[in-house]
Amino acid sequence: MAVGINSNYWLETVTPLGANGTFTSTTRDAYGAGGSALLPATASQWAYASFVLLADQTGTVLLQGSQNPSGGPWYTVAGTASNIVANTPLYLFSPVCFQFWQVVVTNGATPQTKLNLNFAFTSV
């Protein structure tokens, strides 16, 4: 029996950060991202919010959620000051427990020459 995995993903940025620079992703709506007409407006088809990050310098990253459509307050649900290890992919995920999601990346003291951040909602 084949099982399909439904997902939506976005390339958030490939622009390297300067020394001590910060990038905040686009706010993503778990209730509206590829939603089904069969679900009520207050439900999400997604089980997880996640990201994959690759950078060539150390820093920190946060996966944050909010219930406010205007943004904030933001709660760090995964990646509480998770360390970015240079040239090592970092994958973090959280069950969808908020409607709105963002990823915040803060670079260390050395400017980056490589940064790749992808965000996704997945059904399983």
PDB file of N, CA and C in Angstrom:
ATOM      1  N   MET A   1       0.842  -1.176   0.000  1.00  0.00           N
ATOM      2  CA  MET A   1       0.000   0.000   0.000  1.00  0.00           C
ATOM      3  C   MET A   1       0.888   1.239   0.000  1.00  0.00           C
ATOM      4  N   ALA A   2       0.692   2.105  -0.935  1.00  0.00           N
ATOM      5  CA  ALA A   2       1.465   3.347  -1.018  1.00  0.00           C
ATOM      6  C   ALA A   2       0.803   4.418  -0.165  1.00  0.00           C
ATOM      7  N   VAL A   3       1.617   5.166   0.515  1.00  0.00           N
ATOM      8  CA  VAL A   3       1.123   6.268   1.341  1.00  0.00           C
ATOM      9  C   VAL A   3       1.714   7.559   0.808  1.00  0.00           C
ATOM     10  N   GLY A   4       0.863   8.518   0.511  1.00  0.00           N
ATOM     11  CA  GLY A   4       1.338   9.803   0.009  1.00  0.00           C
ATOM     12  C   GLY A   4       1.604  10.771   1.139  1.00  0.00           C
ATOM     13  N   ILE A   5       2.606  11.577   0.973  1.00  0.00           N
ATOM     14  CA  ILE A   5       2.919  12.626   1.941  1.00  0.00           C
ATOM     15  C   ILE A   5       2.638  13.952   1.264  1.00  0.00           C
ATOM     16  N   ASN A   6       1.750  14.712   1.846  1.00  0.00           N
ATOM     17  CA  ASN A   6       1.398  16.013   1.308  1.00  0.00           C
ATOM     18  C   ASN A   6       2.255  17.071   2.002  1.00  0.00           C
ATOM     19  N   SER A   7       2.778  18.008   1.218  1.00  0.00           N
ATOM     20  CA  SER A   7       3.583  19.069   1.819  1.00  0.00           C
ATOM     21  C   SER A   7       3.548  20.315   0.953  1.00  0.00           C
ATOM     22  N   ASN A   8       3.800  21.427   1.576  1.00  0.00           N
ATOM     23  CA  ASN A   8       4.028  22.719   0.918  1.00  0.00           C
ATOM     24  C   ASN A   8       5.348  23.227   1.448  1.00  0.00           C
ATOM     25  N   TYR A   9       6.212  23.699   0.553  1.00  0.00           N
ATOM     26  CA  TYR A   9       7.482  24.237   1.022  1.00  0.00           C
ATOM     27  C   TYR A   9       7.832  25.493   0.247  1.00  0.00           C
ATOM     28  N   TRP A  10       8.655  26.323   0.878  1.00  0.00           N
ATOM     29  CA  TRP A  10       9.067  27.602   0.320  1.00  0.00           C
ATOM     30  C   TRP A  10      10.561  27.788   0.512  1.00  0.00           C
ATOM     31  N   LEU A  11      11.216  28.311  -0.497  1.00  0.00           N
ATOM     32  CA  LEU A  11      12.595  28.763  -0.356  1.00  0.00           C
ATOM     33  C   LEU A  11      12.508  30.152   0.255  1.00  0.00           C
ATOM     34  N   GLU A  12      12.949  30.298   1.491  1.00  0.00           N
ATOM     35  CA  GLU A  12      12.833  31.579   2.194  1.00  0.00           C
ATOM     36  C   GLU A  12      13.945  32.552   1.802  1.00  0.00           C
ATOM     37  N   THR A  13      15.182  32.069   1.737  1.00  0.00           N
ATOM     38  CA  THR A  13      16.284  32.953   1.344  1.00  0.00           C
ATOM     39  C   THR A  13      17.511  32.146   0.954  1.00  0.00           C
ATOM     40  N   VAL A  14      18.299  32.741   0.069  1.00  0.00           N
ATOM     41  CA  VAL A  14      19.636  32.252  -0.257  1.00  0.00           C
ATOM     42  C   VAL A  14      20.630  33.408  -0.155  1.00  0.00           C
ATOM     43  N   THR A  15      20.197  34.504   0.443  1.00  0.00           N
ATOM     44  CA  THR A  15      21.037  35.694   0.581  1.00  0.00           C
ATOM     45  C   THR A  15      21.852  35.611   1.871  1.00  0.00           C
ATOM     46  N   PRO A  16      23.178  35.541   1.779  1.00  0.00           N
ATOM     47  CA  PRO A  16      24.016  35.465   2.984  1.00  0.00           C
ATOM     48  C   PRO A  16      23.842  36.704   3.869  1.00  0.00           C
ATOM     49  N   LEU A  17      24.008  36.497   5.172  1.00  0.00           N
ATOM     50  CA  LEU A  17      23.911  37.585   6.149  1.00  0.00           C
ATOM     51  C   LEU A  17      25.285  38.150   6.462  1.00  0.00           C
ATOM     52  N   GLY A  18      25.318  39.427   6.760  1.00  0.00           N
ATOM     53  CA  GLY A  18      26.546  40.057   7.218  1.00  0.00           C
ATOM     54  C   GLY A  18      26.826  39.676   8.659  1.00  0.00           C
ATOM     55  N   ALA A  19      27.911  40.188   9.191  1.00  0.00           N
ATOM     56  CA  ALA A  19      28.281  39.927  10.587  1.00  0.00           C
ATOM     57  C   ALA A  19      27.139  40.349  11.501  1.00  0.00           C
ATOM     58  N   ASN A  20      26.706  39.446  12.360  1.00  0.00           N
ATOM     59  CA  ASN A  20      25.632  39.670  13.333  1.00  0.00           C
ATOM     60  C   ASN A  20      24.298  40.039  12.686  1.00  0.00           C
ATOM     61  N   GLY A  21      24.136  39.732  11.402  1.00  0.00           N
ATOM     62  CA  GLY A  21      22.893  40.036  10.699  1.00  0.00           C
ATOM     63  C   GLY A  21      21.767  39.090  11.085  1.00  0.00           C
ATOM     64  N   THR A  22      20.525  39.554  10.882  1.00  0.00           N
ATOM     65  CA  THR A  22      19.341  38.763  11.208  1.00  0.00           C
ATOM     66  C   THR A  22      18.410  38.706  10.010  1.00  0.00           C
ATOM     67  N   PHE A  23      17.843  37.534   9.764  1.00  0.00           N
ATOM     68  CA  PHE A  23      16.831  37.347   8.732  1.00  0.00           C
ATOM     69  C   PHE A  23      15.591  36.767   9.388  1.00  0.00           C
ATOM     70  N   THR A  24      14.423  37.365   9.115  1.00  0.00           N
ATOM     71  CA  THR A  24      13.143  36.837   9.563  1.00  0.00           C
ATOM     72  C   THR A  24      12.339  36.454   8.326  1.00  0.00           C
ATOM     73  N   SER A  25      11.924  35.206   8.264  1.00  0.00           N
ATOM     74  CA  SER A  25      11.217  34.701   7.085  1.00  0.00           C
ATOM     75  C   SER A  25       9.845  35.346   6.941  1.00  0.00           C
ATOM     76  N   THR A  26       9.235  35.094   5.817  1.00  0.00           N
ATOM     77  CA  THR A  26       7.842  35.460   5.591  1.00  0.00           C
ATOM     78  C   THR A  26       6.975  34.698   6.579  1.00  0.00           C
ATOM     79  N   THR A  27       5.922  35.336   7.080  1.00  0.00           N
ATOM     80  CA  THR A  27       4.977  34.649   7.957  1.00  0.00           C
ATOM     81  C   THR A  27       4.160  33.675   7.121  1.00  0.00           C
ATOM     82  N   ARG A  28       4.095  32.422   7.572  1.00  0.00           N
ATOM     83  CA  ARG A  28       3.352  31.377   6.858  1.00  0.00           C
ATOM     84  C   ARG A  28       2.114  30.986   7.655  1.00  0.00           C
ATOM     85  N   ASP A  29       0.986  30.830   6.967  1.00  0.00           N
ATOM     86  CA  ASP A  29      -0.310  30.532   7.581  1.00  0.00           C
ATOM     87  C   ASP A  29      -0.623  29.047   7.420  1.00  0.00           C
ATOM     88  N   ALA A  30      -0.615  28.307   8.503  1.00  0.00           N
ATOM     89  CA  ALA A  30      -0.864  26.862   8.454  1.00  0.00           C
ATOM     90  C   ALA A  30      -2.297  26.540   8.056  1.00  0.00           C
ATOM     91  N   TYR A  31      -3.226  27.470   8.242  1.00  0.00           N
ATOM     92  CA  TYR A  31      -4.622  27.205   7.884  1.00  0.00           C
ATOM     93  C   TYR A  31      -4.898  27.520   6.431  1.00  0.00           C
ATOM     94  N   GLY A  32      -4.067  28.350   5.816  1.00  0.00           N
ATOM     95  CA  GLY A  32      -4.333  28.780   4.454  1.00  0.00           C
ATOM     96  C   GLY A  32      -3.381  28.235   3.415  1.00  0.00           C
ATOM     97  N   ALA A  33      -2.308  27.579   3.820  1.00  0.00           N
ATOM     98  CA  ALA A  33      -1.279  27.109   2.885  1.00  0.00           C
ATOM     99  C   ALA A  33      -1.707  25.806   2.231  1.00  0.00           C
ATOM    100  N   GLY A  34      -2.218  25.902   1.017  1.00  0.00           N
ATOM    101  CA  GLY A  34      -2.630  24.694   0.309  1.00  0.00           C
ATOM    102  C   GLY A  34      -3.777  23.983   0.979  1.00  0.00           C
ATOM    103  N   GLY A  35      -4.579  24.740   1.700  1.00  0.00           N
ATOM    104  CA  GLY A  35      -5.674  24.158   2.472  1.00  0.00           C
ATOM    105  C   GLY A  35      -6.718  23.474   1.613  1.00  0.00           C
ATOM    106  N   SER A  36      -7.486  22.647   2.228  1.00  0.00           N
ATOM    107  CA  SER A  36      -8.535  21.896   1.560  1.00  0.00           C
ATOM    108  C   SER A  36      -9.875  22.574   1.777  1.00  0.00           C
ATOM    109  N   ALA A  37     -10.708  22.582   0.751  1.00  0.00           N
ATOM    110  CA  ALA A  37     -12.056  23.135   0.885  1.00  0.00           C
ATOM    111  C   ALA A  37     -12.899  22.298   1.841  1.00  0.00           C
ATOM    112  N   LEU A  38     -12.439  21.092   2.151  1.00  0.00           N
ATOM    113  CA  LEU A  38     -13.169  20.207   3.051  1.00  0.00           C
ATOM    114  C   LEU A  38     -12.932  20.536   4.522  1.00  0.00           C
ATOM    115  N   LEU A  39     -11.919  21.356   4.794  1.00  0.00           N
ATOM    116  CA  LEU A  39     -11.598  21.698   6.182  1.00  0.00           C
ATOM    117  C   LEU A  39     -12.203  23.039   6.551  1.00  0.00           C
ATOM    118  N   PRO A  40     -12.640  23.201   7.811  1.00  0.00           N
ATOM    119  CA  PRO A  40     -13.113  24.520   8.236  1.00  0.00           C
ATOM    120  C   PRO A  40     -11.963  25.512   8.278  1.00  0.00           C
ATOM    121  N   ALA A  41     -12.273  26.798   8.271  1.00  0.00           N
ATOM    122  CA  ALA A  41     -11.244  27.846   8.258  1.00  0.00           C
ATOM    123  C   ALA A  41     -10.403  27.844   9.531  1.00  0.00           C
ATOM    124  N   THR A  42     -10.839  27.147  10.556  1.00  0.00           N
ATOM    125  CA  THR A  42     -10.101  27.120  11.820  1.00  0.00           C
ATOM    126  C   THR A  42      -9.347  25.814  12.020  1.00  0.00           C
ATOM    127  N   ALA A  43      -9.110  25.088  10.926  1.00  0.00           N
ATOM    128  CA  ALA A  43      -8.384  23.815  11.022  1.00  0.00           C
ATOM    129  C   ALA A  43      -7.236  23.814  10.031  1.00  0.00           C
ATOM    130  N   SER A  44      -6.247  23.009  10.318  1.00  0.00           N
ATOM    131  CA  SER A  44      -5.102  22.883   9.429  1.00  0.00           C
ATOM    132  C   SER A  44      -4.960  21.433   8.989  1.00  0.00           C
ATOM    133  N   GLN A  45      -4.633  21.243   7.719  1.00  0.00           N
ATOM    134  CA  GLN A  45      -4.356  19.891   7.239  1.00  0.00           C
ATOM    135  C   GLN A  45      -2.933  19.462   7.562  1.00  0.00           C
ATOM    136  N   TRP A  46      -2.124  20.370   8.096  1.00  0.00           N
ATOM    137  CA  TRP A  46      -0.699  20.105   8.302  1.00  0.00           C
ATOM    138  C   TRP A  46      -0.429  19.573   9.692  1.00  0.00           C
ATOM    139  N   ALA A  47       0.437  18.594   9.787  1.00  0.00           N
ATOM    140  CA  ALA A  47       0.836  18.026  11.075  1.00  0.00           C
ATOM    141  C   ALA A  47       2.074  18.713  11.633  1.00  0.00           C
ATOM    142  N   TYR A  48       2.984  19.151  10.722  1.00  0.00           N
ATOM    143  CA  TYR A  48       4.256  19.712  11.177  1.00  0.00           C
ATOM    144  C   TYR A  48       4.629  20.978  10.415  1.00  0.00           C
ATOM    145  N   ALA A  49       5.288  21.879  11.129  1.00  0.00           N
ATOM    146  CA  ALA A  49       5.984  23.029  10.537  1.00  0.00           C
ATOM    147  C   ALA A  49       7.474  22.731  10.708  1.00  0.00           C
ATOM    148  N   SER A  50       8.250  22.986   9.664  1.00  0.00           N
ATOM    149  CA  SER A  50       9.670  22.632   9.747  1.00  0.00           C
ATOM    150  C   SER A  50      10.518  23.534   8.867  1.00  0.00           C
ATOM    151  N   PHE A  51      11.826  23.440   9.061  1.00  0.00           N
ATOM    152  CA  PHE A  51      12.753  24.135   8.175  1.00  0.00           C
ATOM    153  C   PHE A  51      14.041  23.336   8.050  1.00  0.00           C
ATOM    154  N   VAL A  52      14.731  23.607   6.945  1.00  0.00           N
ATOM    155  CA  VAL A  52      16.085  23.090   6.718  1.00  0.00           C
ATOM    156  C   VAL A  52      16.953  24.301   6.445  1.00  0.00           C
ATOM    157  N   LEU A  53      18.090  24.373   7.118  1.00  0.00           N
ATOM    158  CA  LEU A  53      18.989  25.513   7.001  1.00  0.00           C
ATOM    159  C   LEU A  53      20.409  25.021   6.758  1.00  0.00           C
ATOM    160  N   LEU A  54      21.112  25.698   5.865  1.00  0.00           N
ATOM    161  CA  LEU A  54      22.533  25.442   5.650  1.00  0.00           C
ATOM    162  C   LEU A  54      23.225  26.788   5.537  1.00  0.00           C
ATOM    163  N   ALA A  55      24.215  27.004   6.359  1.00  0.00           N
ATOM    164  CA  ALA A  55      24.999  28.245   6.345  1.00  0.00           C
ATOM    165  C   ALA A  55      26.467  27.894   6.531  1.00  0.00           C
ATOM    166  N   ASP A  56      27.340  28.774   6.052  1.00  0.00           N
ATOM    167  CA  ASP A  56      28.773  28.485   6.170  1.00  0.00           C
ATOM    168  C   ASP A  56      29.421  29.152   7.383  1.00  0.00           C
ATOM    169  N   GLN A  57      28.593  29.767   8.238  1.00  0.00           N
ATOM    170  CA  GLN A  57      29.097  30.373   9.473  1.00  0.00           C
ATOM    171  C   GLN A  57      28.183  29.995  10.629  1.00  0.00           C
ATOM    172  N   THR A  58      28.695  30.076  11.839  1.00  0.00           N
ATOM    173  CA  THR A  58      27.896  29.766  13.017  1.00  0.00           C
ATOM    174  C   THR A  58      26.895  30.880  13.297  1.00  0.00           C
ATOM    175  N   GLY A  59      25.878  30.539  14.050  1.00  0.00           N
ATOM    176  CA  GLY A  59      24.846  31.501  14.434  1.00  0.00           C
ATOM    177  C   GLY A  59      23.770  30.778  15.212  1.00  0.00           C
ATOM    178  N   THR A  60      22.573  31.369  15.256  1.00  0.00           N
ATOM    179  CA  THR A  60      21.433  30.750  15.933  1.00  0.00           C
ATOM    180  C   THR A  60      20.209  30.814  15.031  1.00  0.00           C
ATOM    181  N   VAL A  61      19.245  29.946  15.322  1.00  0.00           N
ATOM    182  CA  VAL A  61      18.003  29.910  14.546  1.00  0.00           C
ATOM    183  C   VAL A  61      16.848  29.566  15.471  1.00  0.00           C
ATOM    184  N   LEU A  62      15.685  30.169  15.201  1.00  0.00           N
ATOM    185  CA  LEU A  62      14.478  29.949  15.988  1.00  0.00           C
ATOM    186  C   LEU A  62      13.318  29.611  15.061  1.00  0.00           C
ATOM    187  N   LEU A  63      12.509  28.617  15.419  1.00  0.00           N
ATOM    188  CA  LEU A  63      11.240  28.346  14.761  1.00  0.00           C
ATOM    189  C   LEU A  63      10.167  28.887  15.684  1.00  0.00           C
ATOM    190  N   GLN A  64       9.367  29.839  15.179  1.00  0.00           N
ATOM    191  CA  GLN A  64       8.419  30.547  16.047  1.00  0.00           C
ATOM    192  C   GLN A  64       6.994  30.441  15.517  1.00  0.00           C
ATOM    193  N   GLY A  65       6.029  30.449  16.445  1.00  0.00           N
ATOM    194  CA  GLY A  65       4.619  30.410  16.094  1.00  0.00           C
ATOM    195  C   GLY A  65       3.839  31.491  16.812  1.00  0.00           C
ATOM    196  N   SER A  66       2.683  31.850  16.231  1.00  0.00           N
ATOM    197  CA  SER A  66       1.807  32.865  16.800  1.00  0.00           C
ATOM    198  C   SER A  66       0.370  32.563  16.394  1.00  0.00           C
ATOM    199  N   GLN A  67      -0.577  33.012  17.179  1.00  0.00           N
ATOM    200  CA  GLN A  67      -1.993  32.913  16.820  1.00  0.00           C
ATOM    201  C   GLN A  67      -2.521  34.236  16.273  1.00  0.00           C
ATOM    202  N   ASN A  68      -1.699  35.267  16.263  1.00  0.00           N
ATOM    203  CA  ASN A  68      -2.121  36.605  15.861  1.00  0.00           C
ATOM    204  C   ASN A  68      -1.856  36.827  14.375  1.00  0.00           C
ATOM    205  N   PRO A  69      -2.885  37.082  13.563  1.00  0.00           N
ATOM    206  CA  PRO A  69      -2.669  37.284  12.128  1.00  0.00           C
ATOM    207  C   PRO A  69      -1.861  38.537  11.805  1.00  0.00           C
ATOM    208  N   SER A  70      -1.756  39.460  12.748  1.00  0.00           N
ATOM    209  CA  SER A  70      -0.960  40.669  12.542  1.00  0.00           C
ATOM    210  C   SER A  70       0.501  40.445  12.907  1.00  0.00           C
ATOM    211  N   GLY A  71       0.805  39.258  13.400  1.00  0.00           N
ATOM    212  CA  GLY A  71       2.180  38.930  13.784  1.00  0.00           C
ATOM    213  C   GLY A  71       2.438  39.224  15.240  1.00  0.00           C
ATOM    214  N   GLY A  72       2.875  38.245  15.966  1.00  0.00           N
ATOM    215  CA  GLY A  72       3.263  38.382  17.355  1.00  0.00           C
ATOM    216  C   GLY A  72       2.079  38.434  18.303  1.00  0.00           C
ATOM    217  N   PRO A  73       2.312  38.156  19.578  1.00  0.00           N
ATOM    218  CA  PRO A  73       3.640  37.776  20.041  1.00  0.00           C
ATOM    219  C   PRO A  73       4.061  36.436  19.450  1.00  0.00           C
ATOM    220  N   TRP A  74       5.365  36.323  19.206  1.00  0.00           N
ATOM    221  CA  TRP A  74       5.939  35.103  18.648  1.00  0.00           C
ATOM    222  C   TRP A  74       6.510  34.248  19.765  1.00  0.00           C
ATOM    223  N   TYR A  75       6.233  32.962  19.710  1.00  0.00           N
ATOM    224  CA  TYR A  75       6.715  32.011  20.705  1.00  0.00           C
ATOM    225  C   TYR A  75       7.670  31.036  20.026  1.00  0.00           C
ATOM    226  N   THR A  76       8.833  30.872  20.610  1.00  0.00           N
ATOM    227  CA  THR A  76       9.799  29.924  20.070  1.00  0.00           C
ATOM    228  C   THR A  76       9.352  28.531  20.464  1.00  0.00           C
ATOM    229  N   VAL A  77       8.990  27.722  19.471  1.00  0.00           N
ATOM    230  CA  VAL A  77       8.459  26.387  19.738  1.00  0.00           C
ATOM    231  C   VAL A  77       9.486  25.299  19.496  1.00  0.00           C
ATOM    232  N   ALA A  78      10.497  25.612  18.719  1.00  0.00           N
ATOM    233  CA  ALA A  78      11.588  24.667  18.481  1.00  0.00           C
ATOM    234  C   ALA A  78      12.809  25.500  18.143  1.00  0.00           C
ATOM    235  N   GLY A  79      13.958  24.987  18.435  1.00  0.00           N
ATOM    236  CA  GLY A  79      15.168  25.715  18.081  1.00  0.00           C
ATOM    237  C   GLY A  79      15.484  26.846  19.026  1.00  0.00           C
ATOM    238  N   THR A  80      15.181  26.679  20.303  1.00  0.00           N
ATOM    239  CA  THR A  80      15.485  27.717  21.271  1.00  0.00           C
ATOM    240  C   THR A  80      16.977  28.008  21.226  1.00  0.00           C
ATOM    241  N   ALA A  81      17.319  29.079  20.520  1.00  0.00           N
ATOM    242  CA  ALA A  81      18.719  29.453  20.322  1.00  0.00           C
ATOM    243  C   ALA A  81      19.530  28.257  19.838  1.00  0.00           C
ATOM    244  N   SER A  82      18.958  27.497  18.905  1.00  0.00           N
ATOM    245  CA  SER A  82      19.682  26.360  18.345  1.00  0.00           C
ATOM    246  C   SER A  82      20.918  26.850  17.622  1.00  0.00           C
ATOM    247  N   ASN A  83      22.017  26.199  17.873  1.00  0.00           N
ATOM    248  CA  ASN A  83      23.265  26.610  17.249  1.00  0.00           C
ATOM    249  C   ASN A  83      23.329  26.134  15.809  1.00  0.00           C
ATOM    250  N   ILE A  84      23.754  27.028  14.937  1.00  0.00           N
ATOM    251  CA  ILE A  84      24.038  26.673  13.553  1.00  0.00           C
ATOM    252  C   ILE A  84      25.506  26.277  13.508  1.00  0.00           C
ATOM    253  N   VAL A  85      25.775  25.085  13.049  1.00  0.00           N
ATOM    254  CA  VAL A  85      27.145  24.615  12.872  1.00  0.00           C
ATOM    255  C   VAL A  85      27.506  24.851  11.412  1.00  0.00           C
ATOM    256  N   ALA A  86      28.613  25.534  11.181  1.00  0.00           N
ATOM    257  CA  ALA A  86      29.019  25.894   9.818  1.00  0.00           C
ATOM    258  C   ALA A  86      29.066  24.675   8.906  1.00  0.00           C
ATOM    259  N   ASN A  87      28.461  24.826   7.721  1.00  0.00           N
ATOM    260  CA  ASN A  87      28.467  23.807   6.668  1.00  0.00           C
ATOM    261  C   ASN A  87      27.834  22.483   7.080  1.00  0.00           C
ATOM    262  N   THR A  88      26.906  22.525   8.040  1.00  0.00           N
ATOM    263  CA  THR A  88      26.198  21.333   8.487  1.00  0.00           C
ATOM    264  C   THR A  88      24.703  21.593   8.412  1.00  0.00           C
ATOM    265  N   PRO A  89      23.960  20.836   7.600  1.00  0.00           N
ATOM    266  CA  PRO A  89      22.518  21.059   7.507  1.00  0.00           C
ATOM    267  C   PRO A  89      21.840  20.922   8.864  1.00  0.00           C
ATOM    268  N   LEU A  90      20.871  21.785   9.121  1.00  0.00           N
ATOM    269  CA  LEU A  90      20.109  21.769  10.369  1.00  0.00           C
ATOM    270  C   LEU A  90      18.637  21.651  10.015  1.00  0.00           C
ATOM    271  N   TYR A  91      17.963  20.652  10.577  1.00  0.00           N
ATOM    272  CA  TYR A  91      16.546  20.414  10.331  1.00  0.00           C
ATOM    273  C   TYR A  91      15.836  20.415  11.674  1.00  0.00           C
ATOM    274  N   LEU A  92      14.809  21.257  11.809  1.00  0.00           N
ATOM    275  CA  LEU A  92      14.000  21.285  13.026  1.00  0.00           C
ATOM    276  C   LEU A  92      12.537  21.296  12.638  1.00  0.00           C
ATOM    277  N   PHE A  93      11.701  20.691  13.469  1.00  0.00           N
ATOM    278  CA  PHE A  93      10.271  20.674  13.195  1.00  0.00           C
ATOM    279  C   PHE A  93       9.489  20.723  14.494  1.00  0.00           C
ATOM    280  N   SER A  94       8.212  21.074  14.353  1.00  0.00           N
ATOM    281  CA  SER A  94       7.310  21.144  15.490  1.00  0.00           C
ATOM    282  C   SER A  94       5.923  20.747  15.028  1.00  0.00           C
ATOM    283  N   PRO A  95       5.143  20.088  15.879  1.00  0.00           N
ATOM    284  CA  PRO A  95       3.746  19.885  15.532  1.00  0.00           C
ATOM    285  C   PRO A  95       3.076  21.246  15.315  1.00  0.00           C
ATOM    286  N   VAL A  96       2.114  21.293  14.415  1.00  0.00           N
ATOM    287  CA  VAL A  96       1.396  22.547  14.155  1.00  0.00           C
ATOM    288  C   VAL A  96       0.501  22.841  15.356  1.00  0.00           C
ATOM    289  N   CYS A  97       0.975  23.743  16.206  1.00  0.00           N
ATOM    290  CA  CYS A  97       0.225  24.143  17.402  1.00  0.00           C
ATOM    291  C   CYS A  97      -0.111  25.633  17.375  1.00  0.00           C
ATOM    292  N   PHE A  98       0.276  26.310  16.292  1.00  0.00           N
ATOM    293  CA  PHE A  98      -0.060  27.714  16.048  1.00  0.00           C
ATOM    294  C   PHE A  98      -0.527  27.840  14.611  1.00  0.00           C
ATOM    295  N   GLN A  99      -1.244  28.904  14.320  1.00  0.00           N
ATOM    296  CA  GLN A  99      -1.672  29.139  12.944  1.00  0.00           C
ATOM    297  C   GLN A  99      -0.569  29.770  12.110  1.00  0.00           C
ATOM    298  N   PHE A 100       0.179  30.697  12.688  1.00  0.00           N
ATOM    299  CA  PHE A 100       1.180  31.462  11.942  1.00  0.00           C
ATOM    300  C   PHE A 100       2.585  31.061  12.374  1.00  0.00           C
ATOM    301  N   TRP A 101       3.523  31.024  11.389  1.00  0.00           N
ATOM    302  CA  TRP A 101       4.869  30.518  11.626  1.00  0.00           C
ATOM    303  C   TRP A 101       5.906  31.393  10.956  1.00  0.00           C
ATOM    304  N   GLN A 102       7.089  31.471  11.573  1.00  0.00           N
ATOM    305  CA  GLN A 102       8.234  32.147  10.971  1.00  0.00           C
ATOM    306  C   GLN A 102       9.516  31.525  11.490  1.00  0.00           C
ATOM    307  N   VAL A 103      10.610  31.770  10.752  1.00  0.00           N
ATOM    308  CA  VAL A 103      11.939  31.321  11.152  1.00  0.00           C
ATOM    309  C   VAL A 103      12.816  32.563  11.264  1.00  0.00           C
ATOM    310  N   VAL A 104      13.590  32.654  12.345  1.00  0.00           N
ATOM    311  CA  VAL A 104      14.505  33.778  12.553  1.00  0.00           C
ATOM    312  C   VAL A 104      15.933  33.230  12.616  1.00  0.00           C
ATOM    313  N   VAL A 105      16.784  33.738  11.727  1.00  0.00           N
ATOM    314  CA  VAL A 105      18.186  33.324  11.662  1.00  0.00           C
ATOM    315  C   VAL A 105      19.050  34.507  12.064  1.00  0.00           C
ATOM    316  N   THR A 106      19.969  34.291  12.992  1.00  0.00           N
ATOM    317  CA  THR A 106      20.927  35.325  13.381  1.00  0.00           C
ATOM    318  C   THR A 106      22.330  34.789  13.142  1.00  0.00           C
ATOM    319  N   ASN A 107      23.084  35.515  12.334  1.00  0.00           N
ATOM    320  CA  ASN A 107      24.449  35.112  12.016  1.00  0.00           C
ATOM    321  C   ASN A 107      25.397  35.504  13.143  1.00  0.00           C
ATOM    322  N   GLY A 108      26.537  34.836  13.195  1.00  0.00           N
ATOM    323  CA  GLY A 108      27.573  35.163  14.171  1.00  0.00           C
ATOM    324  C   GLY A 108      28.420  36.335  13.696  1.00  0.00           C
ATOM    325  N   ALA A 109      29.627  36.427  14.198  1.00  0.00           N
ATOM    326  CA  ALA A 109      30.499  37.587  13.963  1.00  0.00           C
ATOM    327  C   ALA A 109      31.148  37.606  12.574  1.00  0.00           C
ATOM    328  N   THR A 110      31.179  36.473  11.886  1.00  0.00           N
ATOM    329  CA  THR A 110      31.816  36.398  10.567  1.00  0.00           C
ATOM    330  C   THR A 110      30.752  36.454   9.472  1.00  0.00           C
ATOM    331  N   PRO A 111      30.893  37.335   8.488  1.00  0.00           N
ATOM    332  CA  PRO A 111      29.900  37.388   7.407  1.00  0.00           C
ATOM    333  C   PRO A 111      29.783  36.038   6.688  1.00  0.00           C
ATOM    334  N   GLN A 112      28.569  35.697   6.301  1.00  0.00           N
ATOM    335  CA  GLN A 112      28.331  34.461   5.560  1.00  0.00           C
ATOM    336  C   GLN A 112      28.660  34.655   4.077  1.00  0.00           C
ATOM    337  N   THR A 113      29.016  33.569   3.425  1.00  0.00           N
ATOM    338  CA  THR A 113      29.085  33.558   1.965  1.00  0.00           C
ATOM    339  C   THR A 113      28.060  32.577   1.406  1.00  0.00           C
ATOM    340  N   LYS A 114      27.407  31.807   2.315  1.00  0.00           N
ATOM    341  CA  LYS A 114      26.386  30.846   1.904  1.00  0.00           C
ATOM    342  C   LYS A 114      25.302  30.760   2.967  1.00  0.00           C
ATOM    343  N   LEU A 115      24.045  30.859   2.515  1.00  0.00           N
ATOM    344  CA  LEU A 115      22.887  30.663   3.387  1.00  0.00           C
ATOM    345  C   LEU A 115      21.755  30.119   2.535  1.00  0.00           C
ATOM    346  N   ASN A 116      21.122  29.048   2.989  1.00  0.00           N
ATOM    347  CA  ASN A 116      19.968  28.489   2.316  1.00  0.00           C
ATOM    348  C   ASN A 116      18.961  28.102   3.385  1.00  0.00           C
ATOM    349  N   LEU A 117      17.761  28.683   3.307  1.00  0.00           N
ATOM    350  CA  LEU A 117      16.712  28.406   4.287  1.00  0.00           C
ATOM    351  C   LEU A 117      15.433  28.037   3.553  1.00  0.00           C
ATOM    352  N   ASN A 118      14.912  26.850   3.859  1.00  0.00           N
ATOM    353  CA  ASN A 118      13.647  26.377   3.314  1.00  0.00           C
ATOM    354  C   ASN A 118      12.684  26.105   4.465  1.00  0.00           C
ATOM    355  N   PHE A 119      11.404  26.457   4.271  1.00  0.00           N
ATOM    356  CA  PHE A 119      10.357  26.227   5.264  1.00  0.00           C
ATOM    357  C   PHE A 119       9.328  25.299   4.652  1.00  0.00           C
ATOM    358  N   ALA A 120       8.695  24.462   5.486  1.00  0.00           N
ATOM    359  CA  ALA A 120       7.674  23.545   4.973  1.00  0.00           C
ATOM    360  C   ALA A 120       6.594  23.252   5.990  1.00  0.00           C
ATOM    361  N   PHE A 121       5.402  22.976   5.480  1.00  0.00           N
ATOM    362  CA  PHE A 121       4.331  22.331   6.242  1.00  0.00           C
ATOM    363  C   PHE A 121       4.191  20.931   5.644  1.00  0.00           C
ATOM    364  N   THR A 122       4.073  19.913   6.502  1.00  0.00           N
ATOM    365  CA  THR A 122       3.885  18.560   6.014  1.00  0.00           C
ATOM    366  C   THR A 122       2.705  17.897   6.732  1.00  0.00           C
ATOM    367  N   SER A 123       2.095  16.936   6.063  1.00  0.00           N
ATOM    368  CA  SER A 123       0.915  16.289   6.621  1.00  0.00           C
ATOM    369  C   SER A 123       1.242  15.109   7.535  1.00  0.00           C
ATOM    370  N   VAL A 124       2.437  14.544   7.390  1.00  0.00           N
ATOM    371  CA  VAL A 124       2.845  13.453   8.277  1.00  0.00           C
ATOM    372  C   VAL A 124       4.312  13.627   8.650  1.00  0.00           C
TER     373      VAL A 124
END
